[in-house]
Amino acid sequence: MVRNKHIRLTIIICITSLMLSISLFSGNNIRDLLSLETSSNLISISLWNPKQLQTFQCPVRGDKWIVVTTIFYPTKAIYKFLNLTTQWNLIVIGDQKTPKDWLLHLSINSSRLIYLSIEQQNTLDFRILHYLPYGSYARKNLGYLIAIKCGAKIIFESDDDNLLETNDIYFLPKIVQQKHVPWIGFHRQRSPFINIYG
């Protein structure tokens, strides 16, 4: 009788643990928690992700950042971003079609540049990576997060084919005060964020 109670209790605990695990790690995240490894006839289940994830360490710090994605070798726009009159840092987010030797084709000082290939991106511990499709400008979101982590107060969003007309990036007119920017950015609605596509 006591043994049956222990068995029932064990089954209830196992089912509860399984349900809790499924609810916490639903969808793709359960695959991150449990990984199956096969070696000849042996199958093992690991309770961790075998892929080594890294916390991003900023090699460059600054308060002004430009974020672009690219599938091409460095363009005229990239060179212009790196040679602006005022100092801006540049984050280039590669994609599946980006040439593997992209950095080798950059013929100027890249001390203010962070370039991340798809392979490098996939080693980072940003959860958003699971939701960013390949071949999409949505991958810029990773660039925004890295810029913020590296000290960004201002992020200039652009493309590798948008050639600036001048050698600098200009802001809103000086008559606009900082407290008014969210008001303008969201069509006269208060918000702490600026809608760059608005």
N, C-alpha and C. Protein backbone atom coordinates (compact mmCIF):
# COMPACT_ATOMS: atom_id res chain seq x y z
N MET A 1 0.82 -1.19 0.00
CA MET A 1 0.00 0.00 0.00
C MET A 1 0.86 1.26 0.00
N VAL A 2 1.86 1.29 0.89
CA VAL A 2 2.76 2.43 0.97
C VAL A 2 3.56 2.54 -0.32
N ARG A 3 3.97 1.40 -0.85
CA ARG A 3 4.75 1.40 -2.09
C ARG A 3 3.94 2.00 -3.24
N ASN A 4 2.68 1.67 -3.36
CA ASN A 4 1.81 2.23 -4.41
C ASN A 4 1.70 3.74 -4.27
N LYS A 5 1.63 4.23 -3.05
CA LYS A 5 1.56 5.69 -2.83
C LYS A 5 2.84 6.36 -3.30
N HIS A 6 3.98 5.72 -3.02
CA HIS A 6 5.27 6.28 -3.46
C HIS A 6 5.36 6.29 -4.99
N ILE A 7 4.88 5.21 -5.61
CA ILE A 7 4.91 5.15 -7.07
C ILE A 7 4.01 6.23 -7.66
N ARG A 8 2.80 6.38 -7.11
CA ARG A 8 1.89 7.43 -7.59
C ARG A 8 2.50 8.81 -7.40
N LEU A 9 3.08 9.03 -6.24
CA LEU A 9 3.71 10.33 -5.96
C LEU A 9 4.86 10.60 -6.92
N THR A 10 5.66 9.58 -7.20
CA THR A 10 6.77 9.73 -8.15
C THR A 10 6.24 10.05 -9.55
N ILE A 11 5.19 9.37 -9.97
CA ILE A 11 4.59 9.63 -11.28
C ILE A 11 4.05 11.05 -11.34
N ILE A 12 3.37 11.50 -10.31
CA ILE A 12 2.83 12.86 -10.28
C ILE A 12 3.95 13.89 -10.35
N ILE A 13 5.03 13.66 -9.61
CA ILE A 13 6.17 14.58 -9.64
C ILE A 13 6.80 14.61 -11.03
N CYS A 14 6.96 13.45 -11.65
CA CYS A 14 7.54 13.39 -13.00
C CYS A 14 6.67 14.12 -14.01
N ILE A 15 5.37 13.88 -13.97
CA ILE A 15 4.46 14.54 -14.91
C ILE A 15 4.46 16.05 -14.67
N THR A 16 4.44 16.46 -13.42
CA THR A 16 4.47 17.89 -13.10
C THR A 16 5.76 18.53 -13.61
N SER A 17 6.88 17.85 -13.40
CA SER A 17 8.17 18.37 -13.89
C SER A 17 8.18 18.47 -15.40
N LEU A 18 7.65 17.45 -16.07
CA LEU A 18 7.58 17.47 -17.53
C LEU A 18 6.72 18.63 -18.02
N MET A 19 5.56 18.81 -17.42
CA MET A 19 4.66 19.90 -17.83
C MET A 19 5.31 21.26 -17.58
N LEU A 20 5.97 21.40 -16.46
CA LEU A 20 6.66 22.65 -16.15
C LEU A 20 7.77 22.92 -17.16
N SER A 21 8.54 21.89 -17.50
CA SER A 21 9.61 22.05 -18.49
C SER A 21 9.04 22.44 -19.85
N ILE A 22 7.96 21.80 -20.25
CA ILE A 22 7.35 22.11 -21.54
C ILE A 22 6.84 23.54 -21.56
N SER A 23 6.21 23.97 -20.46
CA SER A 23 5.69 25.34 -20.45
C SER A 23 6.82 26.37 -20.41
N LEU A 24 7.90 26.08 -19.72
CA LEU A 24 9.02 27.02 -19.66
C LEU A 24 9.82 27.06 -20.94
N PHE A 25 9.94 25.93 -21.60
CA PHE A 25 10.79 25.84 -22.79
C PHE A 25 9.97 25.37 -23.98
N SER A 26 8.84 26.02 -24.21
CA SER A 26 7.97 25.60 -25.31
C SER A 26 8.58 25.95 -26.65
N GLY A 27 8.10 25.26 -27.69
CA GLY A 27 8.54 25.55 -29.05
C GLY A 27 9.99 25.19 -29.27
N ASN A 28 10.70 26.09 -29.93
CA ASN A 28 12.11 25.85 -30.26
C ASN A 28 12.99 25.80 -29.02
N ASN A 29 12.56 26.46 -27.94
CA ASN A 29 13.41 26.54 -26.76
C ASN A 29 13.61 25.18 -26.10
N ILE A 30 12.66 24.26 -26.26
CA ILE A 30 12.84 22.94 -25.67
C ILE A 30 14.02 22.23 -26.34
N ARG A 31 14.24 22.52 -27.64
CA ARG A 31 15.39 21.93 -28.33
C ARG A 31 16.70 22.48 -27.79
N ASP A 32 16.65 23.73 -27.26
CA ASP A 32 17.85 24.30 -26.67
C ASP A 32 18.16 23.63 -25.33
N LEU A 33 17.11 23.25 -24.61
CA LEU A 33 17.31 22.63 -23.31
C LEU A 33 17.77 21.17 -23.47
N LEU A 34 17.10 20.44 -24.34
CA LEU A 34 17.43 19.04 -24.55
C LEU A 34 18.09 18.88 -25.91
N SER A 35 19.21 18.26 -25.95
CA SER A 35 19.84 18.00 -27.25
C SER A 35 20.15 16.52 -27.35
N LEU A 36 19.80 15.94 -28.48
CA LEU A 36 20.08 14.52 -28.71
C LEU A 36 21.37 14.40 -29.48
N GLU A 37 22.25 13.57 -29.00
CA GLU A 37 23.50 13.32 -29.69
C GLU A 37 23.57 11.83 -30.01
N THR A 38 23.88 11.51 -31.26
CA THR A 38 23.99 10.10 -31.63
C THR A 38 25.43 9.78 -31.98
N SER A 39 25.88 8.69 -31.48
CA SER A 39 27.23 8.22 -31.77
C SER A 39 27.13 6.71 -31.96
N SER A 40 27.31 6.24 -33.17
CA SER A 40 27.09 4.84 -33.56
C SER A 40 25.72 4.38 -33.06
N ASN A 41 25.67 3.44 -32.14
CA ASN A 41 24.38 2.94 -31.65
C ASN A 41 23.98 3.58 -30.32
N LEU A 42 24.77 4.50 -29.85
CA LEU A 42 24.52 5.11 -28.55
C LEU A 42 23.78 6.44 -28.73
N ILE A 43 22.71 6.62 -28.00
CA ILE A 43 21.97 7.89 -28.03
C ILE A 43 22.00 8.45 -26.61
N SER A 44 22.40 9.71 -26.49
CA SER A 44 22.39 10.32 -25.17
C SER A 44 21.62 11.63 -25.22
N ILE A 45 21.00 11.96 -24.13
CA ILE A 45 20.27 13.21 -24.03
C ILE A 45 21.02 14.09 -23.04
N SER A 46 21.32 15.31 -23.48
CA SER A 46 22.03 16.26 -22.62
C SER A 46 21.05 17.31 -22.13
N LEU A 47 21.21 17.75 -20.93
CA LEU A 47 20.34 18.80 -20.39
C LEU A 47 20.95 20.18 -20.57
N TRP A 48 21.71 20.37 -21.60
CA TRP A 48 22.25 21.68 -21.92
C TRP A 48 22.44 21.76 -23.42
N ASN A 49 22.62 22.92 -23.90
CA ASN A 49 22.85 23.12 -25.32
C ASN A 49 24.34 22.92 -25.57
N PRO A 50 24.74 21.99 -26.42
CA PRO A 50 26.16 21.75 -26.63
C PRO A 50 26.86 22.90 -27.35
N LYS A 51 26.08 23.75 -28.03
CA LYS A 51 26.68 24.88 -28.74
C LYS A 51 27.17 25.90 -27.70
N GLN A 52 28.40 26.31 -27.81
CA GLN A 52 28.96 27.26 -26.85
C GLN A 52 28.48 28.67 -27.16
N LEU A 53 27.68 29.24 -26.27
CA LEU A 53 27.20 30.60 -26.44
C LEU A 53 28.11 31.54 -25.67
N GLN A 54 28.29 32.74 -26.22
CA GLN A 54 29.20 33.71 -25.60
C GLN A 54 28.47 35.01 -25.33
N THR A 55 28.85 35.66 -24.25
CA THR A 55 28.38 37.01 -23.99
C THR A 55 29.23 37.94 -24.84
N PHE A 56 28.58 38.85 -25.55
CA PHE A 56 29.31 39.73 -26.46
C PHE A 56 30.17 40.71 -25.66
N GLN A 57 31.44 40.79 -26.00
CA GLN A 57 32.38 41.74 -25.40
C GLN A 57 32.65 42.84 -26.42
N CYS A 58 32.41 44.08 -26.04
CA CYS A 58 32.57 45.22 -26.96
C CYS A 58 34.04 45.52 -27.21
N PRO A 59 34.50 45.35 -28.44
CA PRO A 59 35.88 45.73 -28.76
C PRO A 59 36.01 47.23 -28.99
N VAL A 60 34.87 47.90 -29.20
CA VAL A 60 34.83 49.34 -29.46
C VAL A 60 33.70 49.91 -28.61
N ARG A 61 33.94 51.07 -28.00
CA ARG A 61 32.89 51.72 -27.22
C ARG A 61 32.68 53.12 -27.76
N GLY A 62 31.47 53.62 -27.61
CA GLY A 62 31.16 54.97 -28.06
C GLY A 62 29.68 55.25 -27.93
N ASP A 63 29.32 56.53 -28.06
CA ASP A 63 27.91 56.88 -27.90
C ASP A 63 27.17 57.06 -29.22
N LYS A 64 27.88 57.05 -30.36
CA LYS A 64 27.24 57.21 -31.67
C LYS A 64 27.56 56.01 -32.55
N TRP A 65 26.51 55.34 -33.01
CA TRP A 65 26.68 54.10 -33.78
C TRP A 65 25.82 54.12 -35.04
N ILE A 66 26.36 53.55 -36.10
CA ILE A 66 25.64 53.31 -37.34
C ILE A 66 25.45 51.81 -37.44
N VAL A 67 24.24 51.37 -37.80
CA VAL A 67 23.96 49.94 -37.92
C VAL A 67 23.47 49.65 -39.34
N VAL A 68 24.14 48.71 -40.01
CA VAL A 68 23.73 48.28 -41.35
C VAL A 68 23.80 46.76 -41.44
N THR A 69 23.05 46.22 -42.39
CA THR A 69 23.21 44.82 -42.77
C THR A 69 23.79 44.81 -44.18
N THR A 70 24.39 43.70 -44.55
CA THR A 70 24.96 43.63 -45.90
C THR A 70 24.98 42.20 -46.42
N ILE A 71 24.91 42.09 -47.75
CA ILE A 71 25.14 40.81 -48.41
C ILE A 71 26.23 40.99 -49.47
N PHE A 72 26.82 42.19 -49.51
CA PHE A 72 27.84 42.52 -50.51
C PHE A 72 29.20 42.71 -49.85
N TYR A 73 30.24 42.78 -50.67
CA TYR A 73 31.55 43.21 -50.17
C TYR A 73 31.42 44.67 -49.74
N PRO A 74 32.39 45.21 -48.97
CA PRO A 74 32.28 46.60 -48.51
C PRO A 74 31.98 47.56 -49.67
N THR A 75 30.97 48.39 -49.47
CA THR A 75 30.50 49.33 -50.49
C THR A 75 31.05 50.73 -50.23
N LYS A 76 30.78 51.65 -51.16
CA LYS A 76 31.19 53.05 -50.97
C LYS A 76 30.56 53.62 -49.71
N ALA A 77 29.32 53.24 -49.44
CA ALA A 77 28.64 53.74 -48.24
C ALA A 77 29.37 53.30 -46.97
N ILE A 78 29.84 52.07 -46.93
CA ILE A 78 30.58 51.57 -45.76
C ILE A 78 31.85 52.40 -45.56
N TYR A 79 32.58 52.64 -46.64
CA TYR A 79 33.80 53.45 -46.54
C TYR A 79 33.48 54.87 -46.07
N LYS A 80 32.38 55.42 -46.56
CA LYS A 80 32.00 56.78 -46.16
C LYS A 80 31.64 56.81 -44.67
N PHE A 81 30.91 55.80 -44.20
CA PHE A 81 30.56 55.74 -42.78
C PHE A 81 31.82 55.70 -41.90
N LEU A 82 32.85 55.02 -42.36
CA LEU A 82 34.08 54.91 -41.58
C LEU A 82 34.98 56.14 -41.69
N ASN A 83 34.65 57.06 -42.60
CA ASN A 83 35.46 58.27 -42.79
C ASN A 83 34.68 59.56 -42.54
N LEU A 84 33.70 59.53 -41.67
CA LEU A 84 32.91 60.73 -41.39
C LEU A 84 33.73 61.76 -40.64
N THR A 85 33.31 63.03 -40.74
CA THR A 85 34.00 64.12 -40.06
C THR A 85 33.95 63.93 -38.55
N THR A 86 32.76 63.62 -38.02
CA THR A 86 32.65 63.32 -36.59
C THR A 86 32.77 61.82 -36.40
N GLN A 87 33.21 61.42 -35.23
CA GLN A 87 33.50 60.00 -35.00
C GLN A 87 32.23 59.20 -34.72
N TRP A 88 31.92 58.31 -35.62
CA TRP A 88 30.84 57.35 -35.46
C TRP A 88 31.46 55.95 -35.53
N ASN A 89 30.88 55.03 -34.78
CA ASN A 89 31.27 53.63 -34.87
C ASN A 89 30.27 52.92 -35.78
N LEU A 90 30.70 51.84 -36.38
CA LEU A 90 29.88 51.14 -37.36
C LEU A 90 29.74 49.67 -37.00
N ILE A 91 28.50 49.18 -37.04
CA ILE A 91 28.22 47.76 -36.87
C ILE A 91 27.66 47.25 -38.19
N VAL A 92 28.31 46.23 -38.73
CA VAL A 92 27.84 45.61 -39.97
C VAL A 92 27.41 44.18 -39.62
N ILE A 93 26.14 43.90 -39.89
CA ILE A 93 25.59 42.58 -39.62
C ILE A 93 25.53 41.81 -40.93
N GLY A 94 26.29 40.73 -41.00
CA GLY A 94 26.31 39.90 -42.20
C GLY A 94 25.08 39.00 -42.27
N ASP A 95 24.90 38.36 -43.40
CA ASP A 95 23.79 37.44 -43.60
C ASP A 95 24.30 36.22 -44.36
N GLN A 96 23.43 35.31 -44.70
CA GLN A 96 23.86 34.08 -45.36
C GLN A 96 24.56 34.34 -46.70
N LYS A 97 24.14 35.38 -47.42
CA LYS A 97 24.74 35.68 -48.72
C LYS A 97 25.97 36.57 -48.62
N THR A 98 26.29 37.07 -47.44
CA THR A 98 27.45 37.94 -47.28
C THR A 98 28.72 37.12 -47.55
N PRO A 99 29.64 37.65 -48.36
CA PRO A 99 30.89 36.92 -48.62
C PRO A 99 31.63 36.58 -47.33
N LYS A 100 32.11 35.37 -47.23
CA LYS A 100 32.82 34.90 -46.02
C LYS A 100 34.07 35.72 -45.73
N ASP A 101 34.69 36.25 -46.78
CA ASP A 101 35.93 37.03 -46.60
C ASP A 101 35.67 38.54 -46.63
N TRP A 102 34.50 38.96 -46.15
CA TRP A 102 34.09 40.36 -46.18
C TRP A 102 35.15 41.28 -45.57
N LEU A 103 35.62 40.94 -44.38
CA LEU A 103 36.59 41.80 -43.68
C LEU A 103 37.91 41.92 -44.44
N LEU A 104 38.30 40.89 -45.14
CA LEU A 104 39.56 40.93 -45.89
C LEU A 104 39.50 41.93 -47.05
N HIS A 105 38.32 42.28 -47.49
CA HIS A 105 38.15 43.22 -48.60
C HIS A 105 38.02 44.66 -48.13
N LEU A 106 38.09 44.89 -46.84
CA LEU A 106 38.03 46.24 -46.29
C LEU A 106 39.45 46.81 -46.31
N SER A 107 39.63 47.88 -47.06
CA SER A 107 41.00 48.37 -47.29
C SER A 107 41.36 49.61 -46.47
N ILE A 108 40.62 49.88 -45.39
CA ILE A 108 40.95 51.02 -44.53
C ILE A 108 40.96 50.58 -43.08
N ASN A 109 41.36 51.50 -42.22
CA ASN A 109 41.39 51.24 -40.78
C ASN A 109 39.99 50.85 -40.31
N SER A 110 39.89 49.74 -39.65
CA SER A 110 38.59 49.28 -39.18
C SER A 110 38.49 49.30 -37.65
N SER A 111 39.20 50.21 -37.02
CA SER A 111 39.21 50.25 -35.55
C SER A 111 37.87 50.69 -34.97
N ARG A 112 37.01 51.31 -35.77
CA ARG A 112 35.68 51.73 -35.29
C ARG A 112 34.58 50.84 -35.87
N LEU A 113 34.94 49.65 -36.28
CA LEU A 113 34.00 48.75 -36.95
C LEU A 113 33.84 47.46 -36.16
N ILE A 114 32.59 47.02 -36.05
CA ILE A 114 32.29 45.68 -35.56
C ILE A 114 31.56 44.98 -36.70
N TYR A 115 32.16 43.91 -37.21
CA TYR A 115 31.52 43.11 -38.25
C TYR A 115 31.20 41.75 -37.65
N LEU A 116 29.95 41.30 -37.85
CA LEU A 116 29.55 39.99 -37.35
C LEU A 116 29.00 39.14 -38.48
N SER A 117 29.70 38.06 -38.78
CA SER A 117 29.21 37.09 -39.77
C SER A 117 28.08 36.29 -39.13
N ILE A 118 27.36 35.55 -39.95
CA ILE A 118 26.30 34.68 -39.44
C ILE A 118 26.86 33.71 -38.40
N GLU A 119 28.03 33.15 -38.68
CA GLU A 119 28.64 32.19 -37.75
C GLU A 119 28.92 32.86 -36.41
N GLN A 120 29.44 34.08 -36.43
CA GLN A 120 29.71 34.80 -35.18
C GLN A 120 28.41 35.14 -34.46
N GLN A 121 27.40 35.56 -35.21
CA GLN A 121 26.11 35.89 -34.61
C GLN A 121 25.52 34.70 -33.86
N ASN A 122 25.65 33.52 -34.47
CA ASN A 122 25.04 32.32 -33.89
C ASN A 122 25.74 31.84 -32.63
N THR A 123 26.89 32.40 -32.28
CA THR A 123 27.55 32.03 -31.03
C THR A 123 27.17 32.96 -29.89
N LEU A 124 26.42 34.02 -30.19
CA LEU A 124 26.07 35.01 -29.16
C LEU A 124 24.87 34.55 -28.35
N ASP A 125 24.77 35.06 -27.13
CA ASP A 125 23.72 34.62 -26.22
C ASP A 125 22.48 35.52 -26.25
N PHE A 126 22.23 36.20 -27.35
CA PHE A 126 21.03 37.02 -27.47
C PHE A 126 19.85 36.12 -27.85
N ARG A 127 18.82 36.09 -27.02
CA ARG A 127 17.66 35.23 -27.29
C ARG A 127 16.93 35.63 -28.57
N ILE A 128 17.04 36.90 -28.93
CA ILE A 128 16.33 37.38 -30.12
C ILE A 128 16.79 36.66 -31.38
N LEU A 129 17.99 36.09 -31.38
CA LEU A 129 18.51 35.41 -32.57
C LEU A 129 17.59 34.29 -33.05
N HIS A 130 16.85 33.67 -32.14
CA HIS A 130 15.94 32.59 -32.52
C HIS A 130 14.79 33.10 -33.38
N TYR A 131 14.53 34.40 -33.32
CA TYR A 131 13.37 34.97 -34.00
C TYR A 131 13.74 35.82 -35.21
N LEU A 132 15.02 35.99 -35.49
CA LEU A 132 15.45 36.83 -36.61
C LEU A 132 15.65 35.98 -37.85
N PRO A 133 14.84 36.19 -38.87
CA PRO A 133 14.99 35.38 -40.08
C PRO A 133 16.23 35.76 -40.87
N TYR A 134 16.80 34.81 -41.57
CA TYR A 134 17.90 35.10 -42.48
C TYR A 134 17.32 35.84 -43.69
N GLY A 135 18.15 36.63 -44.33
CA GLY A 135 17.72 37.35 -45.52
C GLY A 135 16.72 38.44 -45.22
N SER A 136 16.76 39.01 -44.03
CA SER A 136 15.80 40.03 -43.63
C SER A 136 16.52 41.18 -42.92
N TYR A 137 16.01 42.39 -43.17
CA TYR A 137 16.58 43.55 -42.48
C TYR A 137 16.30 43.48 -40.98
N ALA A 138 15.43 42.58 -40.55
CA ALA A 138 15.15 42.42 -39.12
C ALA A 138 16.41 42.02 -38.35
N ARG A 139 17.41 41.49 -39.04
CA ARG A 139 18.66 41.12 -38.37
C ARG A 139 19.37 42.35 -37.81
N LYS A 140 18.97 43.55 -38.26
CA LYS A 140 19.56 44.78 -37.70
C LYS A 140 19.28 44.89 -36.21
N ASN A 141 18.22 44.24 -35.74
CA ASN A 141 17.91 44.29 -34.31
C ASN A 141 19.08 43.81 -33.47
N LEU A 142 19.80 42.83 -33.96
CA LEU A 142 21.01 42.38 -33.27
C LEU A 142 22.03 43.51 -33.20
N GLY A 143 22.18 44.24 -34.30
CA GLY A 143 23.08 45.39 -34.33
C GLY A 143 22.69 46.46 -33.34
N TYR A 144 21.39 46.72 -33.21
CA TYR A 144 20.92 47.71 -32.24
C TYR A 144 21.29 47.29 -30.82
N LEU A 145 21.08 46.01 -30.50
CA LEU A 145 21.40 45.52 -29.16
C LEU A 145 22.89 45.62 -28.87
N ILE A 146 23.70 45.29 -29.86
CA ILE A 146 25.15 45.38 -29.67
C ILE A 146 25.57 46.84 -29.50
N ALA A 147 25.00 47.74 -30.30
CA ALA A 147 25.32 49.16 -30.17
C ALA A 147 24.97 49.66 -28.77
N ILE A 148 23.81 49.29 -28.28
CA ILE A 148 23.40 49.70 -26.93
C ILE A 148 24.37 49.14 -25.89
N LYS A 149 24.73 47.88 -26.05
CA LYS A 149 25.67 47.25 -25.12
C LYS A 149 27.03 47.95 -25.13
N CYS A 150 27.39 48.50 -26.29
CA CYS A 150 28.69 49.17 -26.44
C CYS A 150 28.62 50.67 -26.15
N GLY A 151 27.53 51.13 -25.55
CA GLY A 151 27.45 52.51 -25.08
C GLY A 151 26.65 53.48 -25.94
N ALA A 152 25.89 52.99 -26.91
CA ALA A 152 25.16 53.89 -27.82
C ALA A 152 24.14 54.75 -27.10
N LYS A 153 24.18 56.03 -27.41
CA LYS A 153 23.12 56.96 -27.01
C LYS A 153 22.33 57.38 -28.25
N ILE A 154 23.00 57.30 -29.40
CA ILE A 154 22.38 57.62 -30.69
C ILE A 154 22.72 56.49 -31.66
N ILE A 155 21.69 55.98 -32.34
CA ILE A 155 21.90 54.95 -33.36
C ILE A 155 21.35 55.47 -34.67
N PHE A 156 22.21 55.49 -35.68
CA PHE A 156 21.82 55.90 -37.04
C PHE A 156 21.63 54.62 -37.83
N GLU A 157 20.41 54.40 -38.29
CA GLU A 157 20.07 53.20 -39.04
C GLU A 157 20.17 53.51 -40.52
N SER A 158 20.90 52.67 -41.26
CA SER A 158 21.07 52.91 -42.69
C SER A 158 21.23 51.58 -43.42
N ASP A 159 21.57 51.68 -44.70
CA ASP A 159 21.85 50.50 -45.52
C ASP A 159 23.21 50.66 -46.16
N ASP A 160 23.78 49.55 -46.61
CA ASP A 160 25.11 49.61 -47.22
C ASP A 160 25.08 50.19 -48.63
N ASP A 161 23.89 50.54 -49.12
CA ASP A 161 23.81 51.19 -50.43
C ASP A 161 23.29 52.63 -50.33
N ASN A 162 23.14 53.15 -49.11
CA ASN A 162 22.72 54.54 -48.91
C ASN A 162 23.96 55.41 -48.75
N LEU A 163 24.33 56.09 -49.80
CA LEU A 163 25.52 56.92 -49.79
C LEU A 163 25.16 58.31 -49.27
N LEU A 164 25.80 58.72 -48.19
CA LEU A 164 25.55 60.05 -47.63
C LEU A 164 26.01 61.13 -48.60
N GLU A 165 25.26 62.25 -48.62
CA GLU A 165 25.62 63.37 -49.50
C GLU A 165 26.75 64.21 -48.92
N THR A 166 26.92 64.16 -47.60
CA THR A 166 27.97 64.94 -46.94
C THR A 166 28.90 64.00 -46.19
N ASN A 167 29.90 64.57 -45.53
CA ASN A 167 30.84 63.77 -44.74
C ASN A 167 30.48 63.76 -43.27
N ASP A 168 29.21 63.95 -42.97
CA ASP A 168 28.77 63.91 -41.59
C ASP A 168 27.31 63.49 -41.53
N ILE A 169 26.87 63.11 -40.35
CA ILE A 169 25.47 62.78 -40.11
C ILE A 169 24.90 63.90 -39.26
N TYR A 170 23.83 64.49 -39.74
CA TYR A 170 23.23 65.62 -39.03
C TYR A 170 21.97 65.16 -38.31
N PHE A 171 21.67 65.85 -37.23
CA PHE A 171 20.52 65.52 -36.41
C PHE A 171 19.35 66.42 -36.76
N LEU A 172 18.29 66.28 -35.98
CA LEU A 172 17.14 67.16 -36.14
C LEU A 172 17.57 68.61 -35.94
N PRO A 173 16.80 69.55 -36.48
CA PRO A 173 17.17 70.96 -36.29
C PRO A 173 17.37 71.30 -34.82
N LYS A 174 18.27 72.24 -34.55
CA LYS A 174 18.60 72.59 -33.16
C LYS A 174 17.42 73.19 -32.41
N ILE A 175 16.40 73.69 -33.14
CA ILE A 175 15.25 74.26 -32.44
C ILE A 175 14.41 73.17 -31.77
N VAL A 176 14.57 71.93 -32.19
CA VAL A 176 13.84 70.83 -31.57
C VAL A 176 14.60 70.42 -30.31
N GLN A 177 13.93 70.49 -29.18
CA GLN A 177 14.55 70.09 -27.93
C GLN A 177 14.37 68.58 -27.74
N GLN A 178 15.27 68.02 -26.97
CA GLN A 178 15.25 66.57 -26.77
C GLN A 178 13.91 66.08 -26.24
N LYS A 179 13.26 66.85 -25.38
CA LYS A 179 11.99 66.40 -24.81
C LYS A 179 10.88 66.33 -25.85
N HIS A 180 11.06 67.00 -27.00
CA HIS A 180 10.04 66.99 -28.05
C HIS A 180 10.23 65.87 -29.06
N VAL A 181 11.39 65.26 -29.08
CA VAL A 181 11.69 64.26 -30.11
C VAL A 181 10.71 63.09 -30.08
N PRO A 182 10.42 62.47 -28.91
CA PRO A 182 9.45 61.37 -28.92
C PRO A 182 8.07 61.83 -29.40
N TRP A 183 7.71 63.07 -29.13
CA TRP A 183 6.42 63.61 -29.54
C TRP A 183 6.35 63.66 -31.07
N ILE A 184 7.41 64.08 -31.69
CA ILE A 184 7.47 64.16 -33.15
C ILE A 184 7.58 62.77 -33.75
N GLY A 185 8.42 61.92 -33.16
CA GLY A 185 8.67 60.59 -33.71
C GLY A 185 7.45 59.68 -33.73
N PHE A 186 6.48 59.92 -32.85
CA PHE A 186 5.29 59.08 -32.81
C PHE A 186 4.03 59.86 -33.15
N HIS A 187 4.15 60.76 -34.11
CA HIS A 187 2.99 61.50 -34.62
C HIS A 187 2.17 62.14 -33.50
N ARG A 188 2.85 62.89 -32.68
CA ARG A 188 2.23 63.68 -31.60
C ARG A 188 1.69 62.82 -30.45
N GLN A 189 2.20 61.63 -30.29
CA GLN A 189 1.83 60.80 -29.15
C GLN A 189 3.06 60.65 -28.27
N ARG A 190 2.89 60.71 -26.98
CA ARG A 190 4.01 60.59 -26.04
C ARG A 190 4.55 59.17 -26.01
N SER A 191 5.86 59.05 -26.07
CA SER A 191 6.52 57.75 -25.99
C SER A 191 8.00 57.98 -25.70
N PRO A 192 8.65 57.07 -24.96
CA PRO A 192 10.09 57.23 -24.72
C PRO A 192 10.94 56.76 -25.90
N PHE A 193 10.30 56.24 -26.96
CA PHE A 193 11.03 55.73 -28.11
C PHE A 193 10.73 56.55 -29.35
N ILE A 194 11.65 56.51 -30.29
CA ILE A 194 11.45 57.19 -31.56
C ILE A 194 11.22 56.14 -32.63
N ASN A 195 10.14 56.26 -33.36
CA ASN A 195 9.83 55.34 -34.46
C ASN A 195 10.61 55.78 -35.68
N ILE A 196 11.69 55.09 -35.99
CA ILE A 196 12.54 55.51 -37.10
C ILE A 196 11.87 55.31 -38.44
N TYR A 197 10.82 54.52 -38.49
CA TYR A 197 10.11 54.30 -39.75
C TYR A 197 8.85 55.15 -39.85
N GLY A 198 8.56 55.98 -38.82
CA GLY A 198 7.32 56.77 -38.78
C GLY A 198 7.33 57.97 -39.68
